[in-house]
């Protein structure tokens, strides 16, 4: 077998180089894709684990909190809150959106949550503060650095002007 390979290498070096290069490129691409997948998976899991929730409830047949949609009627939240052992409930709204500045724009995964509840907000605010009222936004620190955004700046998201009041850490998986 080895003898046959050496013979092939000697008589067709360009084909051999092409085959070896193709296999190497395929390996590099697969490693890259696996790394991206792992980063997004770990980042999403970090967000879920850091929000101090014992249970996430989705509608029937919803299999993915990040890529899918799940809407529960208000009646369901009343039923869930009456269950023994349930201390609190907090609704979340998760969706992709575009954040625009005067000089750039970028896609982010936004998380809307009830400010009166302890769950749902950014895990760690490293600059500025957490949300306190409507028309405010906390952005990921890596996203903000990429687009030159600082606390106090104004961005546009879904045709709404929002004041950047803080930068969070550990939420970069949601930046696309």
N, C-alpha and C. Protein backbone atom coordinates (compact mmCIF):
# COMPACT_ATOMS: atom_id res chain seq x y z
N UNK A 1 0.82 -1.19 0.00
CA UNK A 1 0.00 0.00 0.00
C UNK A 1 0.87 1.26 0.00
N UNK A 2 1.88 1.28 0.89
CA UNK A 2 2.78 2.43 0.97
C UNK A 2 3.58 2.55 -0.33
N UNK A 3 3.96 1.42 -0.86
CA UNK A 3 4.72 1.41 -2.10
C UNK A 3 3.90 2.01 -3.24
N UNK A 4 2.62 1.69 -3.26
CA UNK A 4 1.71 2.22 -4.28
C UNK A 4 1.56 3.74 -4.13
N UNK A 5 1.48 4.20 -2.89
CA UNK A 5 1.35 5.64 -2.63
C UNK A 5 2.58 6.40 -3.09
N UNK A 6 3.77 5.85 -2.80
CA UNK A 6 5.01 6.50 -3.24
C UNK A 6 5.10 6.55 -4.77
N UNK A 7 4.66 5.50 -5.39
CA UNK A 7 4.67 5.43 -6.85
C UNK A 7 3.75 6.51 -7.42
N UNK A 8 2.57 6.65 -6.83
CA UNK A 8 1.60 7.65 -7.28
C UNK A 8 2.16 9.06 -7.07
N UNK A 9 2.82 9.28 -5.93
CA UNK A 9 3.42 10.59 -5.64
C UNK A 9 4.50 10.94 -6.66
N UNK A 10 5.28 9.95 -7.06
CA UNK A 10 6.37 10.18 -7.98
C UNK A 10 5.87 10.50 -9.40
N UNK A 11 4.82 9.81 -9.83
CA UNK A 11 4.34 9.98 -11.21
C UNK A 11 3.33 11.12 -11.35
N UNK A 12 2.68 11.52 -10.26
CA UNK A 12 1.67 12.57 -10.36
C UNK A 12 1.75 13.50 -9.14
N UNK A 13 2.84 14.26 -9.02
CA UNK A 13 3.01 15.11 -7.84
C UNK A 13 1.97 16.23 -7.75
N UNK A 14 1.54 16.77 -8.89
CA UNK A 14 0.56 17.87 -8.83
C UNK A 14 -0.79 17.38 -8.31
N UNK A 15 -1.21 16.19 -8.76
CA UNK A 15 -2.46 15.62 -8.24
C UNK A 15 -2.34 15.31 -6.75
N UNK A 16 -1.23 14.79 -6.36
CA UNK A 16 -1.02 14.46 -4.95
C UNK A 16 -1.09 15.71 -4.09
N UNK A 17 -0.44 16.78 -4.57
CA UNK A 17 -0.47 18.05 -3.84
C UNK A 17 -1.90 18.59 -3.75
N UNK A 18 -2.65 18.48 -4.84
CA UNK A 18 -4.04 18.94 -4.85
C UNK A 18 -4.88 18.14 -3.85
N UNK A 19 -4.71 16.85 -3.80
CA UNK A 19 -5.47 16.00 -2.88
C UNK A 19 -5.13 16.34 -1.43
N UNK A 20 -3.84 16.44 -1.13
CA UNK A 20 -3.41 16.75 0.24
C UNK A 20 -3.92 18.14 0.64
N UNK A 21 -3.83 19.11 -0.27
CA UNK A 21 -4.31 20.47 0.02
C UNK A 21 -5.81 20.48 0.26
N UNK A 22 -6.56 19.73 -0.53
CA UNK A 22 -8.02 19.67 -0.36
C UNK A 22 -8.40 19.07 0.98
N UNK A 23 -7.75 18.00 1.35
CA UNK A 23 -8.03 17.38 2.65
C UNK A 23 -7.68 18.33 3.79
N UNK A 24 -6.55 19.02 3.67
CA UNK A 24 -6.14 19.98 4.71
C UNK A 24 -7.14 21.13 4.81
N UNK A 25 -7.57 21.67 3.68
CA UNK A 25 -8.55 22.76 3.69
C UNK A 25 -9.87 22.31 4.29
N UNK A 26 -10.32 21.12 3.92
CA UNK A 26 -11.55 20.59 4.50
C UNK A 26 -11.45 20.43 6.01
N UNK A 27 -10.31 19.98 6.48
CA UNK A 27 -10.10 19.83 7.93
C UNK A 27 -10.13 21.18 8.63
N UNK A 28 -9.47 22.18 8.05
CA UNK A 28 -9.47 23.53 8.64
C UNK A 28 -10.88 24.10 8.68
N UNK A 29 -11.64 23.95 7.59
CA UNK A 29 -13.01 24.47 7.56
C UNK A 29 -13.90 23.79 8.59
N UNK A 30 -13.80 22.49 8.73
CA UNK A 30 -14.60 21.77 9.72
C UNK A 30 -14.23 22.20 11.13
N UNK A 31 -12.95 22.40 11.39
CA UNK A 31 -12.51 22.87 12.71
C UNK A 31 -13.08 24.25 12.99
N UNK A 32 -13.05 25.14 12.00
CA UNK A 32 -13.60 26.48 12.15
C UNK A 32 -15.10 26.43 12.46
N UNK A 33 -15.85 25.66 11.69
CA UNK A 33 -17.30 25.57 11.90
C UNK A 33 -17.63 24.98 13.27
N UNK A 34 -16.90 23.98 13.68
CA UNK A 34 -17.12 23.39 15.01
C UNK A 34 -16.81 24.41 16.11
N UNK A 35 -15.79 25.22 15.92
CA UNK A 35 -15.44 26.25 16.90
C UNK A 35 -16.52 27.31 17.01
N UNK A 36 -17.05 27.75 15.87
CA UNK A 36 -18.14 28.75 15.88
C UNK A 36 -19.36 28.17 16.58
N UNK A 37 -19.73 26.95 16.23
CA UNK A 37 -20.88 26.31 16.87
C UNK A 37 -20.69 26.20 18.38
N UNK A 38 -19.51 25.78 18.78
CA UNK A 38 -19.22 25.62 20.21
C UNK A 38 -19.29 26.96 20.94
N UNK A 39 -18.77 28.02 20.32
CA UNK A 39 -18.82 29.35 20.93
C UNK A 39 -20.23 29.84 21.12
N UNK A 40 -21.07 29.67 20.11
CA UNK A 40 -22.47 30.11 20.22
C UNK A 40 -23.20 29.26 21.25
N UNK A 41 -22.98 27.96 21.24
CA UNK A 41 -23.64 27.08 22.21
C UNK A 41 -23.23 27.44 23.64
N UNK A 42 -21.94 27.62 23.88
CA UNK A 42 -21.47 27.96 25.22
C UNK A 42 -22.00 29.32 25.66
N UNK A 43 -22.01 30.30 24.76
CA UNK A 43 -22.50 31.63 25.10
C UNK A 43 -23.97 31.62 25.45
N UNK A 44 -24.76 30.88 24.69
CA UNK A 44 -26.18 30.78 24.97
C UNK A 44 -26.41 30.08 26.30
N UNK A 45 -25.69 29.02 26.53
CA UNK A 45 -25.83 28.30 27.79
C UNK A 45 -25.41 29.17 28.97
N UNK A 46 -24.35 29.96 28.81
CA UNK A 46 -23.93 30.88 29.87
C UNK A 46 -25.05 31.85 30.23
N UNK A 47 -25.70 32.41 29.22
CA UNK A 47 -26.80 33.35 29.48
C UNK A 47 -27.91 32.67 30.27
N UNK A 48 -28.27 31.47 29.86
CA UNK A 48 -29.35 30.75 30.54
C UNK A 48 -28.95 30.41 31.97
N UNK A 49 -27.73 29.93 32.19
CA UNK A 49 -27.30 29.54 33.53
C UNK A 49 -27.13 30.73 34.47
N UNK A 50 -26.72 31.88 33.96
CA UNK A 50 -26.47 33.03 34.81
C UNK A 50 -27.73 33.80 35.18
N UNK A 51 -28.86 33.41 34.65
CA UNK A 51 -30.10 34.12 34.96
C UNK A 51 -30.87 33.51 36.12
N UNK A 52 -30.25 32.66 36.88
CA UNK A 52 -30.82 32.14 38.12
C UNK A 52 -32.25 31.60 37.94
N UNK A 53 -32.47 30.88 36.86
CA UNK A 53 -33.78 30.28 36.63
C UNK A 53 -33.68 28.77 36.82
N UNK A 54 -34.63 28.23 37.52
CA UNK A 54 -34.66 26.78 37.70
C UNK A 54 -35.30 26.09 36.50
N UNK A 55 -36.19 26.79 35.81
CA UNK A 55 -36.95 26.18 34.73
C UNK A 55 -37.31 27.23 33.69
N UNK A 56 -37.15 26.86 32.41
CA UNK A 56 -37.58 27.71 31.30
C UNK A 56 -38.78 27.01 30.67
N UNK A 57 -39.86 27.72 30.47
CA UNK A 57 -41.08 27.12 29.93
C UNK A 57 -41.33 27.69 28.54
N UNK A 58 -41.50 26.77 27.56
CA UNK A 58 -41.80 27.14 26.18
C UNK A 58 -43.11 26.50 25.78
N UNK A 59 -43.70 26.99 24.71
CA UNK A 59 -44.93 26.37 24.23
C UNK A 59 -44.63 24.99 23.66
N UNK A 60 -45.66 24.19 23.53
CA UNK A 60 -45.51 22.83 23.02
C UNK A 60 -44.88 22.86 21.63
N UNK A 61 -44.00 21.91 21.37
CA UNK A 61 -43.28 21.74 20.10
C UNK A 61 -42.21 22.80 19.85
N UNK A 62 -41.94 23.67 20.78
CA UNK A 62 -40.82 24.61 20.65
C UNK A 62 -39.57 23.87 21.12
N UNK A 63 -38.60 23.74 20.25
CA UNK A 63 -37.42 22.93 20.58
C UNK A 63 -36.16 23.74 20.80
N UNK A 64 -36.20 25.04 20.48
CA UNK A 64 -34.98 25.83 20.56
C UNK A 64 -35.31 27.25 20.98
N UNK A 65 -34.80 27.68 22.12
CA UNK A 65 -35.11 29.01 22.62
C UNK A 65 -34.43 30.10 21.81
N UNK A 66 -33.33 29.80 21.14
CA UNK A 66 -32.59 30.81 20.41
C UNK A 66 -33.10 30.96 18.98
N UNK A 67 -33.29 29.87 18.26
CA UNK A 67 -33.68 29.96 16.85
C UNK A 67 -35.18 29.89 16.62
N UNK A 68 -35.95 29.51 17.59
CA UNK A 68 -37.37 29.36 17.39
C UNK A 68 -38.15 30.47 18.07
N UNK A 69 -39.45 30.32 18.03
CA UNK A 69 -40.29 31.28 18.74
C UNK A 69 -41.28 30.49 19.60
N UNK A 70 -41.61 31.07 20.73
CA UNK A 70 -42.53 30.43 21.65
C UNK A 70 -43.31 31.52 22.36
N UNK A 71 -44.62 31.50 22.19
CA UNK A 71 -45.47 32.51 22.81
C UNK A 71 -46.46 31.80 23.72
N UNK A 72 -46.43 32.17 24.99
CA UNK A 72 -47.37 31.61 25.95
C UNK A 72 -48.42 32.67 26.29
N UNK A 73 -49.70 32.30 26.27
CA UNK A 73 -50.74 33.27 26.64
C UNK A 73 -50.67 33.62 28.13
N UNK A 74 -51.22 34.78 28.49
CA UNK A 74 -51.21 35.23 29.89
C UNK A 74 -51.87 34.20 30.80
N UNK A 75 -52.86 33.49 30.30
CA UNK A 75 -53.55 32.47 31.09
C UNK A 75 -52.56 31.41 31.57
N UNK A 76 -51.62 31.03 30.70
CA UNK A 76 -50.61 30.03 31.07
C UNK A 76 -49.73 30.52 32.22
N UNK A 77 -49.37 31.79 32.22
CA UNK A 77 -48.51 32.29 33.30
C UNK A 77 -49.25 32.28 34.63
N UNK A 78 -50.55 32.53 34.60
CA UNK A 78 -51.33 32.45 35.85
C UNK A 78 -51.38 31.01 36.35
N UNK A 79 -51.54 30.06 35.45
CA UNK A 79 -51.56 28.65 35.83
C UNK A 79 -50.21 28.24 36.41
N UNK A 80 -49.13 28.65 35.74
CA UNK A 80 -47.78 28.32 36.22
C UNK A 80 -47.49 28.95 37.58
N UNK A 81 -47.91 30.19 37.78
CA UNK A 81 -47.61 30.87 39.05
C UNK A 81 -48.37 30.25 40.22
N UNK A 82 -49.47 29.57 39.94
CA UNK A 82 -50.24 28.91 41.00
C UNK A 82 -49.69 27.54 41.38
N UNK A 83 -48.73 27.03 40.63
CA UNK A 83 -48.16 25.72 40.95
C UNK A 83 -47.34 25.79 42.23
N UNK A 84 -47.39 24.73 43.06
CA UNK A 84 -46.59 24.74 44.28
C UNK A 84 -45.09 24.79 43.97
N UNK A 85 -44.37 25.60 44.72
CA UNK A 85 -42.93 25.71 44.57
C UNK A 85 -42.48 26.79 43.59
N UNK A 86 -43.41 27.41 42.88
CA UNK A 86 -43.04 28.47 41.94
C UNK A 86 -42.95 29.78 42.71
N UNK A 87 -41.74 30.33 42.78
CA UNK A 87 -41.53 31.58 43.52
C UNK A 87 -41.79 32.81 42.67
N UNK A 88 -41.39 32.76 41.40
CA UNK A 88 -41.61 33.91 40.53
C UNK A 88 -41.60 33.46 39.07
N UNK A 89 -42.22 34.26 38.25
CA UNK A 89 -42.24 34.06 36.80
C UNK A 89 -41.79 35.34 36.14
N UNK A 90 -41.10 35.21 35.05
CA UNK A 90 -40.64 36.39 34.33
C UNK A 90 -40.70 36.13 32.83
N UNK A 91 -41.49 36.88 32.09
CA UNK A 91 -41.55 36.68 30.64
C UNK A 91 -40.31 37.25 29.96
N UNK A 92 -39.95 36.64 28.84
CA UNK A 92 -38.82 37.12 28.03
C UNK A 92 -39.26 37.24 26.59
N UNK A 93 -38.69 38.21 25.90
CA UNK A 93 -38.88 38.37 24.47
C UNK A 93 -37.49 38.32 23.84
N UNK A 94 -37.27 37.35 22.97
CA UNK A 94 -35.96 37.16 22.34
C UNK A 94 -36.12 37.31 20.83
N UNK A 95 -35.32 38.18 20.21
CA UNK A 95 -35.40 38.32 18.75
C UNK A 95 -34.15 38.98 18.18
N UNK A 96 -33.91 38.71 16.90
CA UNK A 96 -32.80 39.33 16.18
C UNK A 96 -33.22 40.71 15.70
N UNK A 97 -32.31 41.66 15.77
CA UNK A 97 -32.60 43.00 15.30
C UNK A 97 -31.30 43.67 14.84
N UNK A 98 -31.44 44.79 14.18
CA UNK A 98 -30.29 45.56 13.72
C UNK A 98 -30.17 46.81 14.58
N UNK A 99 -28.97 47.05 15.08
CA UNK A 99 -28.67 48.27 15.85
C UNK A 99 -27.84 49.16 14.94
N UNK A 100 -28.31 50.41 14.78
CA UNK A 100 -27.63 51.37 13.90
C UNK A 100 -27.04 52.52 14.69
N UNK A 101 -25.84 52.92 14.29
CA UNK A 101 -25.21 54.14 14.80
C UNK A 101 -25.07 55.07 13.59
N UNK A 102 -24.64 56.30 13.79
CA UNK A 102 -24.46 57.18 12.62
C UNK A 102 -23.45 56.64 11.60
N UNK A 103 -22.52 55.80 12.04
CA UNK A 103 -21.47 55.34 11.12
C UNK A 103 -21.48 53.84 10.82
N UNK A 104 -22.27 53.05 11.54
CA UNK A 104 -22.24 51.60 11.30
C UNK A 104 -23.56 50.97 11.74
N UNK A 105 -23.67 49.69 11.46
CA UNK A 105 -24.81 48.91 11.94
C UNK A 105 -24.38 47.47 12.15
N UNK A 106 -25.10 46.78 13.04
CA UNK A 106 -24.77 45.39 13.32
C UNK A 106 -26.00 44.65 13.81
N UNK A 107 -26.01 43.35 13.59
CA UNK A 107 -27.12 42.52 14.02
C UNK A 107 -26.85 42.01 15.43
N UNK A 108 -27.86 42.11 16.28
CA UNK A 108 -27.75 41.64 17.66
C UNK A 108 -28.95 40.78 17.99
N UNK A 109 -28.78 39.96 19.00
CA UNK A 109 -29.87 39.16 19.53
C UNK A 109 -30.37 39.89 20.77
N UNK A 110 -31.55 40.48 20.69
CA UNK A 110 -32.07 41.28 21.79
C UNK A 110 -32.88 40.44 22.76
N UNK A 111 -32.79 40.79 24.03
CA UNK A 111 -33.56 40.14 25.08
C UNK A 111 -34.40 41.21 25.76
N UNK A 112 -35.71 41.09 25.64
CA UNK A 112 -36.61 42.00 26.34
C UNK A 112 -37.12 41.31 27.59
N UNK A 113 -37.14 42.02 28.71
CA UNK A 113 -37.56 41.41 29.97
C UNK A 113 -38.28 42.43 30.83
N UNK A 114 -38.97 41.95 31.85
CA UNK A 114 -39.71 42.79 32.79
C UNK A 114 -38.72 43.36 33.80
N UNK A 115 -38.58 44.68 33.83
CA UNK A 115 -37.62 45.33 34.72
C UNK A 115 -37.93 45.10 36.20
N UNK A 116 -39.18 44.77 36.51
CA UNK A 116 -39.55 44.55 37.92
C UNK A 116 -39.18 43.16 38.41
N UNK A 117 -38.72 42.31 37.51
CA UNK A 117 -38.36 40.93 37.86
C UNK A 117 -36.84 40.78 37.88
N UNK A 118 -36.33 39.86 38.70
CA UNK A 118 -34.87 39.71 38.78
C UNK A 118 -34.25 38.93 37.61
N UNK A 119 -35.06 38.19 36.85
CA UNK A 119 -34.52 37.37 35.77
C UNK A 119 -34.60 38.09 34.43
N UNK A 120 -33.69 37.72 33.54
CA UNK A 120 -33.78 38.16 32.16
C UNK A 120 -32.76 39.18 31.73
N UNK A 121 -32.24 39.95 32.64
CA UNK A 121 -31.31 41.02 32.27
C UNK A 121 -29.93 40.49 31.94
N UNK A 122 -29.04 41.39 31.56
CA UNK A 122 -27.67 40.96 31.24
C UNK A 122 -26.98 40.38 32.47
N UNK A 123 -26.22 39.31 32.30
CA UNK A 123 -25.57 38.66 33.45
C UNK A 123 -24.61 39.58 34.20
N UNK A 124 -23.77 40.32 33.46
CA UNK A 124 -22.78 41.20 34.12
C UNK A 124 -22.69 42.52 33.36
N UNK A 125 -23.05 43.60 34.01
CA UNK A 125 -22.86 44.93 33.42
C UNK A 125 -21.49 45.42 33.88
N UNK A 126 -20.57 45.65 32.93
CA UNK A 126 -19.20 46.00 33.28
C UNK A 126 -18.91 47.50 33.14
N UNK A 127 -19.77 48.20 32.45
CA UNK A 127 -19.60 49.64 32.29
C UNK A 127 -20.99 50.26 32.24
N UNK A 128 -21.19 51.34 32.99
CA UNK A 128 -22.51 51.95 33.03
C UNK A 128 -23.40 51.25 34.04
N UNK A 129 -24.66 51.09 33.70
CA UNK A 129 -25.63 50.49 34.62
C UNK A 129 -26.61 49.61 33.85
N UNK A 130 -27.43 48.90 34.61
CA UNK A 130 -28.48 48.07 34.02
C UNK A 130 -29.65 48.97 33.60
N UNK A 131 -30.60 48.40 32.90
CA UNK A 131 -31.77 49.16 32.46
C UNK A 131 -32.60 49.62 33.65
N UNK A 132 -33.17 50.81 33.54
CA UNK A 132 -34.04 51.33 34.59
C UNK A 132 -35.39 51.78 34.04
N UNK A 133 -35.47 52.07 32.74
CA UNK A 133 -36.73 52.55 32.16
C UNK A 133 -36.75 52.25 30.66
N UNK A 134 -37.86 52.59 30.04
CA UNK A 134 -38.02 52.38 28.60
C UNK A 134 -37.02 53.21 27.80
N UNK A 135 -36.81 52.78 26.57
CA UNK A 135 -35.93 53.46 25.62
C UNK A 135 -34.47 53.48 26.06
N UNK A 136 -34.07 52.45 26.78
CA UNK A 136 -32.67 52.26 27.16
C UNK A 136 -32.23 50.89 26.64
N UNK A 137 -30.93 50.75 26.45
CA UNK A 137 -30.39 49.47 25.98
C UNK A 137 -29.02 49.23 26.61
N UNK A 138 -28.75 47.97 26.94
CA UNK A 138 -27.43 47.53 27.38
C UNK A 138 -26.89 46.65 26.25
N UNK A 139 -25.72 46.98 25.75
CA UNK A 139 -25.12 46.24 24.64
C UNK A 139 -23.93 45.41 25.12
N UNK A 140 -23.62 44.38 24.38
CA UNK A 140 -22.44 43.58 24.67
C UNK A 140 -21.19 44.42 24.48
N UNK A 141 -20.22 44.27 25.37
CA UNK A 141 -19.01 45.10 25.30
C UNK A 141 -18.19 44.86 24.02
N UNK A 142 -18.16 43.62 23.51
CA UNK A 142 -17.43 43.35 22.27
C UNK A 142 -18.13 44.00 21.07
N UNK A 143 -19.46 43.91 21.04
CA UNK A 143 -20.22 44.55 19.97
C UNK A 143 -20.01 46.06 20.01
N UNK A 144 -20.07 46.63 21.22
CA UNK A 144 -19.90 48.08 21.38
C UNK A 144 -18.50 48.51 20.94
N UNK A 145 -17.48 47.74 21.30
CA UNK A 145 -16.11 48.09 20.90
C UNK A 145 -15.96 48.03 19.38
N UNK A 146 -16.55 47.02 18.76
CA UNK A 146 -16.47 46.87 17.31
C UNK A 146 -17.09 48.05 16.58
N UNK A 147 -18.16 48.61 17.15
CA UNK A 147 -18.89 49.70 16.50
C UNK A 147 -18.63 51.07 17.13
N UNK A 148 -17.71 51.13 18.09
CA UNK A 148 -17.35 52.41 18.70
C UNK A 148 -18.46 53.02 19.53
N UNK A 149 -19.22 52.19 20.24
CA UNK A 149 -20.35 52.66 21.04
C UNK A 149 -19.95 52.71 22.51
N UNK A 150 -20.34 53.78 23.19
CA UNK A 150 -20.05 53.95 24.62
C UNK A 150 -21.34 54.26 25.36
N UNK A 151 -21.39 54.00 26.68
CA UNK A 151 -22.55 54.43 27.46
C UNK A 151 -22.77 55.93 27.28
N UNK A 152 -24.03 56.31 27.10
CA UNK A 152 -24.37 57.70 26.84
C UNK A 152 -24.68 57.95 25.37
N UNK A 153 -24.20 57.06 24.48
CA UNK A 153 -24.48 57.20 23.05
C UNK A 153 -25.93 56.82 22.77
N UNK A 154 -26.41 57.22 21.61
CA UNK A 154 -27.75 56.86 21.17
C UNK A 154 -27.63 55.97 19.94
N UNK A 155 -28.41 54.89 19.92
CA UNK A 155 -28.46 53.99 18.77
C UNK A 155 -29.91 53.90 18.31
N UNK A 156 -30.09 53.40 17.10
CA UNK A 156 -31.45 53.21 16.58
C UNK A 156 -31.67 51.72 16.40
N UNK A 157 -32.77 51.24 16.93
CA UNK A 157 -33.14 49.83 16.85
C UNK A 157 -34.63 49.76 16.55
N UNK A 158 -35.01 49.14 15.45
CA UNK A 158 -36.41 49.06 15.04
C UNK A 158 -37.07 50.44 15.00
N UNK A 159 -36.39 51.39 14.42
CA UNK A 159 -36.85 52.78 14.26
C UNK A 159 -37.07 53.52 15.57
N UNK A 160 -36.51 53.00 16.67
CA UNK A 160 -36.61 53.66 17.98
C UNK A 160 -35.22 54.12 18.40
N UNK A 161 -35.15 55.36 18.90
CA UNK A 161 -33.88 55.83 19.46
C UNK A 161 -33.76 55.28 20.87
N UNK A 162 -32.63 54.65 21.15
CA UNK A 162 -32.37 54.07 22.46
C UNK A 162 -31.07 54.63 23.01
N UNK A 163 -31.07 54.95 24.30
CA UNK A 163 -29.85 55.41 24.95
C UNK A 163 -29.08 54.20 25.47
N UNK A 164 -27.81 54.13 25.13
CA UNK A 164 -26.95 53.06 25.64
C UNK A 164 -26.57 53.45 27.07
N UNK A 165 -27.07 52.67 28.05
CA UNK A 165 -26.80 53.00 29.45
C UNK A 165 -25.76 52.08 30.07
N UNK A 166 -25.42 50.99 29.39
CA UNK A 166 -24.44 50.07 29.95
C UNK A 166 -23.89 49.12 28.91
N UNK A 167 -22.79 48.48 29.29
CA UNK A 167 -22.17 47.45 28.46
C UNK A 167 -22.07 46.18 29.29
N UNK A 168 -22.47 45.07 28.70
CA UNK A 168 -22.45 43.80 29.43
C UNK A 168 -21.31 42.93 28.94
N UNK A 169 -20.96 41.97 29.76
CA UNK A 169 -19.87 41.04 29.46
C UNK A 169 -20.45 39.63 29.44
N UNK A 170 -19.92 38.80 28.56
CA UNK A 170 -20.37 37.41 28.53
C UNK A 170 -21.62 37.20 27.70
N UNK A 171 -22.00 38.18 26.89
CA UNK A 171 -23.18 38.04 26.04
C UNK A 171 -22.81 38.09 24.57
N UNK A 172 -21.54 37.92 24.26
CA UNK A 172 -21.07 38.06 22.88
C UNK A 172 -21.61 36.97 21.97
N UNK A 173 -22.08 35.87 22.49
CA UNK A 173 -22.65 34.83 21.64
C UNK A 173 -23.87 35.33 20.91
N UNK A 174 -24.51 36.35 21.45
CA UNK A 174 -25.71 36.87 20.82
C UNK A 174 -25.40 37.90 19.75
N UNK A 175 -24.15 38.22 19.54
CA UNK A 175 -23.78 39.20 18.52
C UNK A 175 -23.46 38.46 17.24
N UNK A 176 -24.10 38.87 16.15
CA UNK A 176 -23.87 38.21 14.86
C UNK A 176 -23.24 39.20 13.91
